[in-house]
Amino acid sequence: MKRIVLTAIMILAFSSSMLLAQRGTVSNSARQGVQQERINEGIRSGELTRREARLLKREQRKIQIEKKLAQADGQVTPREKRFLRREQNRASRHIARQKHDRQGR
């Protein structure tokens, strides 16, 4: 009896931890949209020059193409997910850096 209860508790704890881990994640598509909006806001506010905006948008298109290539076989592997997340992190840093530099329109 103790073994069954202990097993049930372990399964419940493991499944709840998995749900909590997934709960805070944002999909790549949603993040792509958020970053595109950050670029557009930088254009509207004058924080980004035309050249900066063009380069940042090009970087976002490149990530979108890489995502489509990763999904081409119907399944995105954990390695591909890490790569895409790393690229999104890098693009996010580039957006922040360009928006807060001393250049402006």
C-alpha atoms as a PDB file:
ATOM      1  CA  MET A   1       0.000   0.000   0.000  1.00  0.00           C
ATOM      2  CA  LYS A   2       2.798   2.411   0.904  1.00  0.00           C
ATOM      3  CA  ARG A   3       4.508   1.639  -2.387  1.00  0.00           C
ATOM      4  CA  ILE A   4       1.367   2.500  -4.403  1.00  0.00           C
ATOM      5  CA  VAL A   5       0.816   5.776  -2.532  1.00  0.00           C
ATOM      6  CA  LEU A   6       4.477   6.731  -2.886  1.00  0.00           C
ATOM      7  CA  THR A   7       4.424   5.952  -6.609  1.00  0.00           C
ATOM      8  CA  ALA A   8       1.247   7.988  -7.078  1.00  0.00           C
ATOM      9  CA  ILE A   9       2.764  10.958  -5.237  1.00  0.00           C
ATOM     10  CA  MET A  10       5.927  10.797  -7.346  1.00  0.00           C
ATOM     11  CA  ILE A  11       3.936  10.669 -10.586  1.00  0.00           C
ATOM     12  CA  LEU A  12       1.784  13.602  -9.478  1.00  0.00           C
ATOM     13  CA  ALA A  13       4.833  15.651  -8.456  1.00  0.00           C
ATOM     14  CA  PHE A  14       6.608  14.930 -11.730  1.00  0.00           C
ATOM     15  CA  SER A  15       3.599  15.770 -13.910  1.00  0.00           C
ATOM     16  CA  SER A  16       2.866  18.996 -12.021  1.00  0.00           C
ATOM     17  CA  SER A  17       6.489  20.113 -12.355  1.00  0.00           C
ATOM     18  CA  MET A  18       6.312  19.478 -16.112  1.00  0.00           C
ATOM     19  CA  LEU A  19       3.148  21.579 -16.381  1.00  0.00           C
ATOM     20  CA  LEU A  20       4.739  24.426 -14.447  1.00  0.00           C
ATOM     21  CA  ALA A  21       7.815  24.300 -16.659  1.00  0.00           C
ATOM     22  CA  GLN A  22       5.688  24.574 -19.804  1.00  0.00           C
ATOM     23  CA  ARG A  23       3.369  27.237 -18.422  1.00  0.00           C
ATOM     24  CA  GLY A  24       5.885  30.094 -18.586  1.00  0.00           C
ATOM     25  CA  THR A  25       7.138  29.457 -22.099  1.00  0.00           C
ATOM     26  CA  VAL A  26       6.247  31.638 -25.042  1.00  0.00           C
ATOM     27  CA  SER A  27       5.985  30.131 -28.487  1.00  0.00           C
ATOM     28  CA  ASN A  28       8.494  31.133 -31.102  1.00  0.00           C
ATOM     29  CA  SER A  29       5.749  32.646 -33.284  1.00  0.00           C
ATOM     30  CA  ALA A  30       4.469  34.816 -30.445  1.00  0.00           C
ATOM     31  CA  ARG A  31       7.974  35.966 -29.632  1.00  0.00           C
ATOM     32  CA  GLN A  32       8.564  36.743 -33.292  1.00  0.00           C
ATOM     33  CA  GLY A  33       5.491  38.992 -33.241  1.00  0.00           C
ATOM     34  CA  VAL A  34       6.572  40.740 -30.049  1.00  0.00           C
ATOM     35  CA  GLN A  35      10.007  41.470 -31.438  1.00  0.00           C
ATOM     36  CA  GLN A  36       8.541  42.729 -34.710  1.00  0.00           C
ATOM     37  CA  GLU A  37       6.328  45.090 -32.708  1.00  0.00           C
ATOM     38  CA  ARG A  38       9.379  46.310 -30.754  1.00  0.00           C
ATOM     39  CA  ILE A  39      11.066  47.148 -34.056  1.00  0.00           C
ATOM     40  CA  ASN A  40       7.956  48.959 -35.326  1.00  0.00           C
ATOM     41  CA  GLU A  41       7.700  50.930 -32.085  1.00  0.00           C
ATOM     42  CA  GLY A  42      11.355  51.929 -32.440  1.00  0.00           C
ATOM     43  CA  ILE A  43      10.639  53.194 -35.948  1.00  0.00           C
ATOM     44  CA  ARG A  44       7.581  55.188 -34.794  1.00  0.00           C
ATOM     45  CA  SER A  45       9.406  56.730 -31.841  1.00  0.00           C
ATOM     46  CA  GLY A  46      12.509  57.563 -33.862  1.00  0.00           C
ATOM     47  CA  GLU A  47      14.773  55.381 -31.712  1.00  0.00           C
ATOM     48  CA  LEU A  48      15.738  53.321 -34.786  1.00  0.00           C
ATOM     49  CA  THR A  49      17.197  54.656 -37.983  1.00  0.00           C
ATOM     50  CA  ARG A  50      15.945  53.236 -41.279  1.00  0.00           C
ATOM     51  CA  ARG A  51      19.128  51.232 -41.689  1.00  0.00           C
ATOM     52  CA  GLU A  52      18.918  49.789 -38.178  1.00  0.00           C
ATOM     53  CA  ALA A  53      15.277  48.825 -38.700  1.00  0.00           C
ATOM     54  CA  ARG A  54      16.058  47.213 -42.047  1.00  0.00           C
ATOM     55  CA  LEU A  55      18.847  45.105 -40.520  1.00  0.00           C
ATOM     56  CA  LEU A  56      16.716  44.059 -37.547  1.00  0.00           C
ATOM     57  CA  LYS A  57      13.814  43.082 -39.815  1.00  0.00           C
ATOM     58  CA  ARG A  58      16.196  41.078 -41.982  1.00  0.00           C
ATOM     59  CA  GLU A  59      17.375  39.248 -38.870  1.00  0.00           C
ATOM     60  CA  GLN A  60      13.754  38.427 -37.961  1.00  0.00           C
ATOM     61  CA  ARG A  61      13.067  37.114 -41.492  1.00  0.00           C
ATOM     62  CA  LYS A  62      16.164  34.901 -41.230  1.00  0.00           C
ATOM     63  CA  ILE A  63      14.885  33.417 -37.962  1.00  0.00           C
ATOM     64  CA  GLN A  64      11.469  32.832 -39.545  1.00  0.00           C
ATOM     65  CA  ILE A  65      13.094  30.946 -42.438  1.00  0.00           C
ATOM     66  CA  GLU A  66      15.165  28.867 -40.008  1.00  0.00           C
ATOM     67  CA  LYS A  67      11.973  28.019 -38.109  1.00  0.00           C
ATOM     68  CA  LYS A  68      10.228  26.880 -41.310  1.00  0.00           C
ATOM     69  CA  LEU A  69      13.232  24.728 -42.217  1.00  0.00           C
ATOM     70  CA  ALA A  70      13.208  23.169 -38.749  1.00  0.00           C
ATOM     71  CA  GLN A  71       9.491  22.380 -39.114  1.00  0.00           C
ATOM     72  CA  ALA A  72       9.884  20.962 -42.631  1.00  0.00           C
ATOM     73  CA  ASP A  73      10.049  17.359 -41.428  1.00  0.00           C
ATOM     74  CA  GLY A  74       7.047  17.822 -39.156  1.00  0.00           C
ATOM     75  CA  GLN A  75       8.931  17.807 -35.868  1.00  0.00           C
ATOM     76  CA  VAL A  76      11.207  20.360 -34.228  1.00  0.00           C
ATOM     77  CA  THR A  77      13.929  18.604 -32.255  1.00  0.00           C
ATOM     78  CA  PRO A  78      15.128  19.894 -28.864  1.00  0.00           C
ATOM     79  CA  ARG A  79      18.396  20.903 -30.518  1.00  0.00           C
ATOM     80  CA  GLU A  80      16.522  22.972 -33.127  1.00  0.00           C
ATOM     81  CA  LYS A  81      14.394  24.553 -30.393  1.00  0.00           C
ATOM     82  CA  ARG A  82      17.553  25.558 -28.491  1.00  0.00           C
ATOM     83  CA  PHE A  83      19.032  27.015 -31.665  1.00  0.00           C
ATOM     84  CA  LEU A  84      15.884  29.033 -32.434  1.00  0.00           C
ATOM     85  CA  ARG A  85      15.640  30.265 -28.838  1.00  0.00           C
ATOM     86  CA  ARG A  86      19.298  31.316 -28.927  1.00  0.00           C
ATOM     87  CA  GLU A  87      18.739  33.200 -32.184  1.00  0.00           C
ATOM     88  CA  GLN A  88      15.669  34.947 -30.728  1.00  0.00           C
ATOM     89  CA  ASN A  89      17.658  35.921 -27.625  1.00  0.00           C
ATOM     90  CA  ARG A  90      20.415  37.325 -29.818  1.00  0.00           C
ATOM     91  CA  ALA A  91      17.905  39.257 -31.948  1.00  0.00           C
ATOM     92  CA  SER A  92      16.255  40.635 -28.805  1.00  0.00           C
ATOM     93  CA  ARG A  93      19.612  41.939 -27.569  1.00  0.00           C
ATOM     94  CA  HIS A  94      20.261  43.523 -30.964  1.00  0.00           C
ATOM     95  CA  ILE A  95      16.883  45.298 -30.872  1.00  0.00           C
ATOM     96  CA  ALA A  96      17.516  46.623 -27.366  1.00  0.00           C
ATOM     97  CA  ARG A  97      21.027  47.741 -28.247  1.00  0.00           C
ATOM     98  CA  GLN A  98      19.918  49.564 -31.383  1.00  0.00           C
ATOM     99  CA  LYS A  99      16.934  51.227 -29.706  1.00  0.00           C
ATOM    100  CA  HIS A 100      19.066  52.586 -26.876  1.00  0.00           C
ATOM    101  CA  ASP A 101      22.128  53.751 -28.748  1.00  0.00           C
ATOM    102  CA  ARG A 102      22.710  57.427 -29.398  1.00  0.00           C
ATOM    103  CA  GLN A 103      21.572  57.301 -33.002  1.00  0.00           C
ATOM    104  CA  GLY A 104      18.135  58.461 -33.990  1.00  0.00           C
ATOM    105  CA  ARG A 105      16.235  59.806 -36.942  1.00  0.00           C
END
